[in-house]
Amino acid sequence: MWNKEADVVIVGYGGAGAAAAIAAHDAGARVLIVEKNPEGGGNTQYSGGTVREYLDLEKATTYFENILYGSVDREMIKVFVAESMLNPEWLKGLGADLIRANGSGFPPSPHVIWPHLPGASGIGGRWHVKAETGGIHGGNVWGLLCKNVEKRKIDILYNSRAKRLINNDRKEITGVVAGSPRGEITIKAIRAVILTCGGFQCNADMQAQFLAFRYKALGNPGNTGDGIKMALEIGADLWHMSGLSCTVGYPVAGIESPVTQRMPSGGYIYVDQKGKRFVDETGTDTHAFNMYFSQLEFKDLTYPRMPSYTLFDDDTRRSGTIAATGDMLMGRWTNFHNWSEDNLVEVEKGWIKKGDSIAELALQLGIGAESLQKTVAAYNMFCVGGYDADYNRPPDTLVPIVRPPFYAIASEPVLINTQGGPKRNSKAQVLNTNGQPIKHLYSAGELGSIWGIIYPGGGNVTESLSFGRIAGRNAASEGPLA
């Protein structure tokens, strides 16, 4: 007994789900979307919303081979790059006005994160979808996709959490069981099911198992690993379960979702709980900071950089807000606090610690004063000399920390999204543990992303659109199940 049916059933209504729905519909399929939340958007609406441009198919493919360490074969990478090269024109066809994404905050996003790798010249810049009425960049992409789904009159079941996949005696996926406001329902997929329900950044237990650390999470609270569990139940293989994308944020007491950092100038450093620097603060891609912050001190089983502290002086405090606000919000905290432009409200709240001297600030942080004084003095000497002898920070970012009072705020990597999930092939088909496609089952987006432990900026939204379309087209072309 089926309560509903469609040619293609899509589980999850974010960027990948919307792209898959549009592609499947335009290929002639009748589409139904199942979404657990009361509204769509997924992580796409919370993202930076940048779409990466690729300039040369072979070079870009080689570049990604070097950062994926053999976990994805060259042919699949090439399919991804080739499809992604179509993204700008596809978005324009949906009605987008594209503008170049120029990094904001300090430091701005680099054009290419690892320019020394072979094939780097094949990686282009990034595009943003221009806003009609303002708003966050990810919200602009999402608004465009949502408008096009509505235009096609594609059916959506909100508040309906997919629970399990249904298969027949030939091990073909035939539908989905979902909870709904009216109780459990069964949905028949005449041609295929596409899983686009995101990763597991908001599932603390899965974080502990697969990431070996529990990070505070940004993004869509519905990303709790549902698709991974459903895929495992029917024999899917997994990949990239340790992959993640992060940024630096401020854990604020009593607020589940942290505040994203956005420094206004180069006058800051990161110090650990012993008052020592540990990284090039401005020349390291923000998505990789978890690798530096979450290192375990094996001798005593502590994490001396969780949290660390962002330390700055009064010049930096006056130069602008140190948190993402306005069009750069990434998370669910948007309504709880409007960060002040001069950061004084947050000083008064005690979120930012203040000291008239470095020694007094060290006392506020519970750090040895001598250690912190030596660290700041050494950094300031690097600024005078124009060379960071410890971490080779770019000379043009070396801004001294000299004007009292001095400030510091607890900082740590916060999880934007995970990359792991059911393994897929270049057709977006989900594979079983023998490497064979599970018939009539596809996936796209963060659920089983091609990205592993090294994440290139702008990759997730780009992949959501490209593999969403691949999944949608191929699912629509499946022959009807008996």
Protein backbone atom coordinates (compact mmCIF):
# COMPACT_ATOMS: atom_id res chain seq x y z
CA MET A 1 0.00 0.00 0.00
CA TRP A 2 1.54 3.31 -1.13
CA ASN A 3 0.35 6.64 0.25
CA LYS A 4 2.08 8.68 -2.45
CA GLU A 5 4.15 8.11 -5.56
CA ALA A 6 6.35 9.95 -8.04
CA ASP A 7 8.83 9.06 -10.76
CA VAL A 8 11.72 10.44 -8.71
CA VAL A 9 11.59 10.83 -4.93
CA ILE A 10 14.19 13.18 -3.45
CA VAL A 11 15.03 13.03 0.26
CA GLY A 12 16.28 16.42 1.45
CA TYR A 13 15.51 19.89 0.15
CA GLY A 14 18.76 21.85 0.17
CA GLY A 15 20.95 22.94 -2.71
CA ALA A 16 21.62 19.42 -4.01
CA GLY A 17 17.99 18.38 -3.62
CA ALA A 18 16.76 21.46 -5.44
CA ALA A 19 19.26 21.02 -8.29
CA ALA A 20 18.31 17.34 -8.60
CA ALA A 21 14.60 18.19 -8.59
CA ILE A 22 14.97 20.83 -11.29
CA ALA A 23 17.08 18.51 -13.48
CA ALA A 24 14.75 15.53 -13.05
CA HIS A 25 11.66 17.63 -13.74
CA ASP A 26 13.22 19.18 -16.84
CA ALA A 27 14.08 15.66 -18.04
CA GLY A 28 10.38 14.79 -17.94
CA ALA A 29 10.03 13.13 -14.54
CA ARG A 30 7.32 13.74 -11.95
CA VAL A 31 9.21 14.71 -8.79
CA LEU A 32 8.37 14.61 -5.08
CA ILE A 33 10.66 16.06 -2.40
CA VAL A 34 10.59 14.81 1.20
CA GLU A 35 11.98 17.30 3.74
CA LYS A 36 12.21 16.71 7.50
CA ASN A 37 12.22 20.42 8.42
CA PRO A 38 9.29 22.86 8.17
CA GLU A 39 11.14 24.64 5.36
CA GLY A 40 13.91 23.90 2.86
CA GLY A 41 17.37 25.35 2.42
CA GLY A 42 19.69 22.78 3.99
CA ASN A 43 23.24 23.99 4.53
CA THR A 44 23.17 25.90 1.25
CA GLN A 45 21.18 28.78 2.72
CA TYR A 46 23.71 29.12 5.57
CA SER A 47 26.80 28.86 3.37
CA GLY A 48 29.06 31.47 1.83
CA GLY A 49 27.24 30.64 -1.38
CA THR A 50 30.26 30.73 -3.67
CA VAL A 51 30.34 28.67 -6.87
CA ARG A 52 33.82 27.78 -8.08
CA GLU A 53 34.93 28.45 -11.64
CA TYR A 54 37.16 25.91 -13.42
CA LEU A 55 39.23 27.09 -16.36
CA ASP A 56 40.76 23.92 -17.75
CA LEU A 57 39.32 20.40 -17.48
CA GLU A 58 42.58 18.44 -17.43
CA LYS A 59 44.47 20.83 -15.16
CA ALA A 60 41.65 21.13 -12.64
CA THR A 61 41.27 17.34 -12.61
CA THR A 62 44.98 16.95 -11.88
CA TYR A 63 44.78 19.54 -9.10
CA PHE A 64 41.98 17.66 -7.35
CA GLU A 65 43.77 14.34 -7.77
CA ASN A 66 46.54 15.82 -5.65
CA ILE A 67 44.26 16.78 -2.76
CA LEU A 68 42.04 13.68 -2.83
CA TYR A 69 44.94 11.26 -2.36
CA GLY A 70 43.54 8.50 -4.55
CA SER A 71 40.17 8.26 -2.77
CA VAL A 72 38.36 9.34 -5.96
CA ASP A 73 39.40 8.05 -9.39
CA ARG A 74 40.43 10.48 -12.10
CA GLU A 75 37.44 9.74 -14.31
CA MET A 76 34.98 10.69 -11.59
CA ILE A 77 36.91 13.87 -10.80
CA LYS A 78 36.84 14.75 -14.49
CA VAL A 79 33.06 14.23 -14.62
CA PHE A 80 32.67 16.50 -11.59
CA VAL A 81 34.86 19.25 -13.07
CA ALA A 82 33.19 19.05 -16.50
CA GLU A 83 29.70 19.32 -14.99
CA SER A 84 30.81 22.08 -12.63
CA MET A 85 32.12 24.11 -15.56
CA LEU A 86 28.47 24.35 -16.64
CA ASN A 87 27.31 25.84 -13.33
CA PRO A 88 27.56 29.55 -14.25
CA GLU A 89 25.51 29.23 -17.42
CA TRP A 90 23.02 26.91 -15.71
CA LEU A 91 22.50 29.44 -12.92
CA LYS A 92 22.07 32.23 -15.46
CA GLY A 93 19.48 30.07 -17.20
CA LEU A 94 17.57 29.95 -13.93
CA GLY A 95 17.58 33.73 -13.81
CA ALA A 96 20.73 34.46 -11.80
CA ASP A 97 22.78 37.61 -12.07
CA LEU A 98 26.30 36.46 -11.22
CA ILE A 99 28.96 38.68 -9.67
CA ARG A 100 32.55 37.94 -8.76
CA ALA A 101 33.07 36.86 -5.16
CA ASN A 102 35.73 39.07 -3.63
CA GLY A 103 36.78 37.77 -0.22
CA SER A 104 35.61 39.86 2.71
CA GLY A 105 36.95 40.07 6.21
CA PHE A 106 40.62 39.48 7.01
CA PRO A 107 42.32 37.77 5.38
CA PRO A 108 40.24 37.60 2.17
CA SER A 109 39.64 34.16 0.66
CA PRO A 110 42.56 33.15 -1.59
CA HIS A 111 42.00 32.63 -5.28
CA VAL A 112 43.61 29.17 -5.10
CA ILE A 113 44.46 27.71 -1.71
CA TRP A 114 47.41 25.57 -2.84
CA PRO A 115 48.87 27.35 -5.89
CA HIS A 116 52.01 25.18 -5.84
CA LEU A 117 50.13 21.98 -6.72
CA PRO A 118 50.15 20.67 -10.31
CA GLY A 119 47.09 21.84 -12.19
CA ALA A 120 46.46 24.87 -9.96
CA SER A 121 46.29 27.16 -12.99
CA GLY A 122 43.10 25.32 -13.99
CA ILE A 123 41.27 26.60 -10.90
CA GLY A 124 39.43 29.87 -11.39
CA GLY A 125 37.75 32.31 -9.03
CA ARG A 126 34.32 32.18 -7.48
CA TRP A 127 30.88 33.48 -8.36
CA HIS A 128 28.09 34.78 -6.17
CA VAL A 129 24.45 34.99 -7.07
CA LYS A 130 23.58 38.67 -6.80
CA ALA A 131 20.88 39.42 -4.29
CA GLU A 132 17.59 40.97 -5.27
CA THR A 133 16.98 42.39 -1.80
CA GLY A 134 20.22 41.72 0.12
CA GLY A 135 20.79 38.89 2.56
CA ILE A 136 23.45 36.26 3.01
CA HIS A 137 25.20 34.88 -0.04
CA GLY A 138 24.05 31.31 0.52
CA GLY A 139 20.56 32.67 0.90
CA ASN A 140 20.83 34.19 -2.57
CA VAL A 141 21.69 30.82 -4.14
CA TRP A 142 18.93 29.15 -2.18
CA GLY A 143 16.37 31.80 -3.09
CA LEU A 144 17.12 31.28 -6.78
CA LEU A 145 16.83 27.48 -6.55
CA CYS A 146 13.67 27.64 -4.44
CA LYS A 147 12.02 30.04 -6.89
CA ASN A 148 12.74 27.64 -9.75
CA VAL A 149 11.39 24.63 -7.86
CA GLU A 150 8.20 26.57 -7.13
CA LYS A 151 7.97 27.67 -10.76
CA ARG A 152 7.95 24.00 -11.81
CA LYS A 153 5.23 23.21 -9.25
CA ILE A 154 7.28 20.36 -7.79
CA ASP A 155 5.53 18.73 -4.81
CA ILE A 156 7.23 19.01 -1.41
CA LEU A 157 6.33 17.18 1.81
CA TYR A 158 7.59 19.28 4.73
CA ASN A 159 7.90 18.06 8.32
CA SER A 160 8.40 14.57 6.90
CA ARG A 161 11.49 12.74 8.04
CA ALA A 162 12.59 9.84 5.84
CA LYS A 163 13.14 6.78 8.04
CA ARG A 164 14.18 3.97 5.72
CA LEU A 165 14.44 2.90 2.13
CA ILE A 166 12.21 0.20 0.67
CA ASN A 167 13.64 -2.43 -1.65
CA ASN A 168 12.18 -5.44 -3.46
CA ASP A 169 13.39 -9.04 -3.79
CA ARG A 170 15.69 -7.93 -6.63
CA LYS A 171 17.36 -5.45 -4.25
CA GLU A 172 16.02 -2.51 -6.23
CA ILE A 173 15.06 0.60 -4.29
CA THR A 174 11.34 1.10 -4.75
CA GLY A 175 10.47 3.83 -2.27
CA VAL A 176 10.82 5.54 1.09
CA VAL A 177 9.11 5.29 4.47
CA ALA A 178 8.73 8.68 6.13
CA GLY A 179 7.20 10.10 9.25
CA SER A 180 4.72 12.89 8.63
CA PRO A 181 2.38 15.07 10.69
CA ARG A 182 -0.32 12.49 9.89
CA GLY A 183 1.80 9.51 10.85
CA GLU A 184 4.03 7.13 8.93
CA ILE A 185 3.62 7.12 5.15
CA THR A 186 5.08 5.08 2.30
CA ILE A 187 6.16 6.81 -0.91
CA LYS A 188 6.65 4.88 -4.13
CA ALA A 189 9.55 5.81 -6.41
CA ILE A 190 8.60 4.65 -9.90
CA ARG A 191 12.07 5.34 -11.30
CA ALA A 192 14.51 6.18 -8.46
CA VAL A 193 15.24 7.69 -5.07
CA ILE A 194 17.86 10.44 -4.64
CA LEU A 195 19.36 11.04 -1.19
CA THR A 196 20.34 14.68 -0.70
CA CYS A 197 19.76 14.99 3.04
CA GLY A 198 23.16 16.31 4.09
CA GLY A 199 25.77 15.08 6.51
CA PHE A 200 25.98 14.58 10.27
CA GLN A 201 27.46 17.78 11.69
CA CYS A 202 24.58 18.06 14.18
CA ASN A 203 24.89 14.48 15.47
CA ALA A 204 27.33 14.54 18.39
CA ASP A 205 27.59 10.74 18.65
CA MET A 206 28.46 10.35 14.96
CA GLN A 207 30.99 13.15 15.31
CA ALA A 208 32.66 11.27 18.15
CA GLN A 209 32.77 8.05 16.13
CA PHE A 210 33.91 9.39 12.76
CA LEU A 211 35.66 12.69 13.51
CA ALA A 212 37.18 11.66 16.86
CA PHE A 213 36.10 15.01 18.29
CA ARG A 214 32.82 16.72 19.05
CA TYR A 215 32.72 20.14 17.43
CA LYS A 216 30.08 22.81 17.87
CA ALA A 217 28.14 22.98 14.62
CA LEU A 218 26.86 25.68 12.30
CA GLY A 219 24.33 25.20 9.55
CA ASN A 220 21.16 23.20 9.23
CA PRO A 221 20.09 21.50 12.50
CA GLY A 222 18.45 18.74 10.45
CA ASN A 223 21.82 17.37 9.33
CA THR A 224 21.95 14.42 11.73
CA GLY A 225 23.12 11.61 9.46
CA ASP A 226 19.71 10.21 8.48
CA GLY A 227 20.81 9.40 4.94
CA ILE A 228 23.90 7.57 6.15
CA LYS A 229 21.85 5.33 8.42
CA MET A 230 19.30 4.57 5.70
CA ALA A 231 22.03 3.76 3.20
CA LEU A 232 23.84 1.47 5.64
CA GLU A 233 20.66 -0.52 6.23
CA ILE A 234 20.51 -1.52 2.56
CA GLY A 235 24.21 -2.35 2.20
CA ALA A 236 25.80 0.86 0.96
CA ASP A 237 29.53 1.46 1.23
CA LEU A 238 30.83 4.59 2.95
CA TRP A 239 33.61 7.01 2.15
CA HIS A 240 35.16 10.27 3.38
CA MET A 241 33.65 9.88 6.85
CA SER A 242 36.51 11.86 8.42
CA GLY A 243 36.13 14.72 5.94
CA LEU A 244 34.79 18.03 7.14
CA SER A 245 34.68 21.74 6.45
CA CYS A 246 35.17 24.14 9.32
CA THR A 247 35.84 27.74 10.19
CA VAL A 248 36.90 29.53 13.36
CA GLY A 249 34.23 30.64 15.77
CA TYR A 250 33.47 31.78 19.30
CA PRO A 251 31.68 29.38 21.63
CA VAL A 252 29.25 31.54 23.59
CA ALA A 253 27.84 30.16 26.84
CA GLY A 254 24.21 29.14 26.56
CA ILE A 255 24.10 29.35 22.76
CA GLU A 256 24.17 26.04 20.89
CA SER A 257 25.38 27.45 17.58
CA PRO A 258 28.67 29.39 17.80
CA VAL A 259 29.45 32.80 16.35
CA THR A 260 31.66 32.84 13.26
CA GLN A 261 34.90 34.81 13.42
CA ARG A 262 35.59 37.59 10.93
CA MET A 263 38.60 39.71 11.82
CA PRO A 264 38.69 43.30 10.51
CA SER A 265 42.49 43.55 10.18
CA GLY A 266 45.71 41.63 10.66
CA GLY A 267 46.34 42.85 14.20
CA TYR A 268 45.67 39.54 15.96
CA ILE A 269 47.24 36.18 16.80
CA TYR A 270 46.02 32.82 18.06
CA VAL A 271 47.51 31.50 21.30
CA ASP A 272 46.94 28.18 23.03
CA GLN A 273 46.23 27.57 26.70
CA LYS A 274 49.96 27.96 27.44
CA GLY A 275 50.08 31.34 25.76
CA LYS A 276 51.96 30.21 22.65
CA ARG A 277 51.26 30.74 18.95
CA PHE A 278 50.88 27.58 16.85
CA VAL A 279 49.93 28.54 13.29
CA ASP A 280 50.18 31.13 10.51
CA GLU A 281 46.95 32.89 11.40
CA THR A 282 46.35 34.64 8.07
CA GLY A 283 47.99 32.38 5.48
CA THR A 284 46.18 29.18 6.51
CA ASP A 285 42.86 28.42 4.87
CA THR A 286 40.10 28.70 7.44
CA HIS A 287 38.62 25.32 6.46
CA ALA A 288 41.81 23.61 7.70
CA PHE A 289 42.09 25.21 11.13
CA ASN A 290 40.56 22.16 12.79
CA MET A 291 43.79 20.29 11.97
CA TYR A 292 45.76 22.80 14.05
CA PHE A 293 43.31 23.52 16.86
CA SER A 294 42.17 19.98 17.66
CA GLN A 295 45.55 18.31 18.07
CA LEU A 296 45.69 15.89 20.99
CA GLU A 297 48.52 16.16 23.53
CA PHE A 298 49.02 12.44 23.85
CA LYS A 299 51.24 12.61 26.93
CA ASP A 300 48.42 13.83 29.17
CA LEU A 301 45.39 13.31 26.85
CA THR A 302 44.47 16.98 26.69
CA TYR A 303 43.58 19.36 23.89
CA PRO A 304 45.63 22.47 24.74
CA ARG A 305 44.18 24.44 21.79
CA MET A 306 40.50 23.73 22.44
CA PRO A 307 39.75 26.45 23.05
CA SER A 308 42.53 28.76 21.98
CA TYR A 309 42.33 32.54 22.19
CA THR A 310 42.23 35.25 19.55
CA LEU A 311 44.35 38.05 21.00
CA PHE A 312 44.28 41.65 19.71
CA ASP A 313 44.75 45.24 20.81
CA ASP A 314 42.60 48.34 20.98
CA ASP A 315 43.40 49.38 17.41
CA THR A 316 41.94 46.14 16.09
CA ARG A 317 39.00 46.37 18.48
CA ARG A 318 38.17 49.83 17.10
CA SER A 319 38.66 48.89 13.45
CA GLY A 320 35.47 46.84 13.17
CA THR A 321 33.42 43.91 14.38
CA ILE A 322 35.34 40.67 14.93
CA ALA A 323 32.31 38.50 14.14
CA ALA A 324 30.44 37.65 10.97
CA THR A 325 27.34 39.78 10.64
CA GLY A 326 24.99 40.99 7.95
CA ASP A 327 25.52 39.20 4.65
CA MET A 328 28.12 36.79 6.04
CA LEU A 329 26.07 35.01 8.69
CA MET A 330 26.70 31.27 8.79
CA GLY A 331 24.64 29.47 11.36
CA ARG A 332 21.49 29.45 13.41
CA TRP A 333 22.45 32.21 15.83
CA THR A 334 21.29 35.07 13.63
CA ASN A 335 18.49 36.22 15.93
CA PHE A 336 20.12 35.84 19.30
CA HIS A 337 22.64 38.68 19.13
CA ASN A 338 23.67 41.49 16.78
CA TRP A 339 27.41 41.79 17.33
CA SER A 340 28.47 45.37 17.96
CA GLU A 341 30.61 47.23 15.44
CA ASP A 342 33.18 48.32 18.07
CA ASN A 343 32.97 45.02 20.06
CA LEU A 344 32.38 46.84 23.36
CA VAL A 345 29.01 45.22 24.05
CA GLU A 346 30.73 41.84 23.95
CA VAL A 347 33.49 43.10 26.25
CA GLU A 348 30.84 44.18 28.75
CA LYS A 349 29.14 40.78 28.49
CA GLY A 350 32.45 39.12 29.37
CA TRP A 351 32.69 37.21 26.10
CA ILE A 352 35.80 39.21 25.22
CA LYS A 353 38.33 39.43 28.05
CA LYS A 354 40.15 42.71 28.63
CA GLY A 355 43.42 43.69 30.30
CA ASP A 356 45.29 46.98 30.55
CA SER A 357 48.49 44.99 30.02
CA ILE A 358 49.36 41.62 28.49
CA ALA A 359 50.10 40.32 32.01
CA GLU A 360 46.65 41.41 33.22
CA LEU A 361 45.02 39.80 30.19
CA ALA A 362 46.92 36.58 30.89
CA LEU A 363 45.44 36.58 34.40
CA GLN A 364 41.94 36.93 32.91
CA LEU A 365 42.61 33.91 30.66
CA GLY A 366 44.31 31.75 33.26
CA ILE A 367 47.52 31.74 31.21
CA GLY A 368 51.06 32.24 32.55
CA ALA A 369 51.87 35.93 32.18
CA GLU A 370 55.54 35.41 31.28
CA SER A 371 54.69 32.98 28.47
CA LEU A 372 52.06 35.26 26.95
CA GLN A 373 54.30 38.32 27.22
CA LYS A 374 57.12 36.51 25.40
CA THR A 375 54.75 35.40 22.65
CA VAL A 376 53.36 38.87 22.02
CA ALA A 377 56.82 40.46 22.19
CA ALA A 378 58.22 37.97 19.67
CA TYR A 379 55.30 38.56 17.31
CA ASN A 380 55.74 42.32 17.54
CA MET A 381 59.43 41.97 16.68
CA PHE A 382 58.45 39.97 13.60
CA CYS A 383 56.19 42.86 12.63
CA VAL A 384 59.09 45.32 12.96
CA GLY A 385 61.38 43.12 10.89
CA GLY A 386 58.73 42.16 8.33
CA TYR A 387 59.40 38.44 8.71
CA ASP A 388 57.62 35.84 10.85
CA ALA A 389 60.45 33.50 11.81
CA ASP A 390 58.11 31.07 13.56
CA TYR A 391 55.29 30.50 11.04
CA ASN A 392 56.20 32.54 7.94
CA ARG A 393 53.06 34.62 8.07
CA PRO A 394 52.77 36.89 5.00
CA PRO A 395 54.64 40.17 5.68
CA ASP A 396 51.71 42.38 4.63
CA THR A 397 49.58 40.85 7.39
CA LEU A 398 52.06 41.48 10.21
CA VAL A 399 50.28 44.19 12.21
CA PRO A 400 51.71 44.73 15.72
CA ILE A 401 49.69 44.31 18.91
CA VAL A 402 50.83 47.31 20.93
CA ARG A 403 47.97 49.64 21.87
CA PRO A 404 46.34 48.95 25.26
CA PRO A 405 43.97 47.78 26.47
CA PHE A 406 44.41 44.26 25.13
CA TYR A 407 41.68 41.74 24.40
CA ALA A 408 41.19 38.01 23.86
CA ILE A 409 38.23 35.79 23.11
CA ALA A 410 37.96 32.01 23.33
CA SER A 411 38.12 30.55 19.82
CA GLU A 412 37.92 27.09 18.30
CA PRO A 413 37.13 25.38 15.00
CA VAL A 414 33.41 25.07 14.42
CA LEU A 415 31.87 22.60 12.03
CA ILE A 416 30.26 23.91 8.85
CA ASN A 417 29.51 20.48 7.42
CA THR A 418 30.75 16.93 7.10
CA GLN A 419 31.64 15.25 3.80
CA GLY A 420 31.13 11.55 4.53
CA GLY A 421 28.32 9.25 3.52
CA PRO A 422 27.38 6.56 1.01
CA LYS A 423 29.97 6.15 -1.71
CA ARG A 424 28.81 7.17 -5.18
CA ASN A 425 30.12 6.78 -8.72
CA SER A 426 30.38 9.31 -11.55
CA LYS A 427 26.70 8.75 -12.41
CA ALA A 428 25.77 9.67 -8.82
CA GLN A 429 24.65 6.08 -8.16
CA VAL A 430 25.11 4.84 -4.60
CA LEU A 431 27.47 1.85 -4.42
CA ASN A 432 27.30 -1.23 -2.22
CA THR A 433 30.26 -2.73 -0.38
CA ASN A 434 31.17 -4.75 -3.49
CA GLY A 435 31.48 -1.57 -5.52
CA GLN A 436 28.29 -2.21 -7.49
CA PRO A 437 25.47 0.35 -7.93
CA ILE A 438 22.44 -0.15 -5.71
CA LYS A 439 19.73 -0.13 -8.34
CA HIS A 440 17.56 2.98 -8.52
CA LEU A 441 19.40 4.80 -5.70
CA TYR A 442 21.35 8.03 -6.18
CA SER A 443 22.92 10.68 -3.96
CA ALA A 444 24.28 14.22 -4.21
CA GLY A 445 25.65 17.01 -2.06
CA GLU A 446 27.32 16.62 1.33
CA LEU A 447 25.87 13.15 1.80
CA GLY A 448 28.82 11.18 0.44
CA SER A 449 30.66 14.19 -1.00
CA ILE A 450 33.71 13.67 -3.19
CA TRP A 451 35.74 15.78 -0.73
CA GLY A 452 37.85 14.05 1.90
CA ILE A 453 39.98 15.39 4.75
CA ILE A 454 41.24 18.28 2.59
CA TYR A 455 38.48 20.64 1.57
CA PRO A 456 38.96 23.27 -1.16
CA GLY A 457 36.94 26.42 -0.55
CA GLY A 458 33.82 26.80 -2.66
CA GLY A 459 33.65 23.07 -3.29
CA ASN A 460 30.45 22.06 -1.53
CA VAL A 461 27.97 24.40 -3.17
CA THR A 462 29.67 23.74 -6.51
CA GLU A 463 29.33 19.99 -6.00
CA SER A 464 25.74 20.23 -4.81
CA LEU A 465 24.72 21.87 -8.06
CA SER A 466 26.77 19.64 -10.36
CA PHE A 467 26.09 16.24 -8.80
CA GLY A 468 22.54 17.28 -8.06
CA ARG A 469 21.97 17.72 -11.78
CA ILE A 470 23.79 14.47 -12.62
CA ALA A 471 21.66 12.56 -10.10
CA GLY A 472 18.44 14.20 -11.30
CA ARG A 473 19.05 13.49 -14.98
CA ASN A 474 20.12 9.89 -14.45
CA ALA A 475 17.32 9.12 -12.02
CA ALA A 476 14.77 10.48 -14.51
CA SER A 477 16.20 8.28 -17.25
CA GLU A 478 15.68 5.04 -15.30
CA GLY A 479 13.11 2.65 -16.65
CA PRO A 480 9.96 2.35 -14.51
CA LEU A 481 10.03 -0.33 -11.84
CA ALA A 482 7.51 -3.12 -12.22
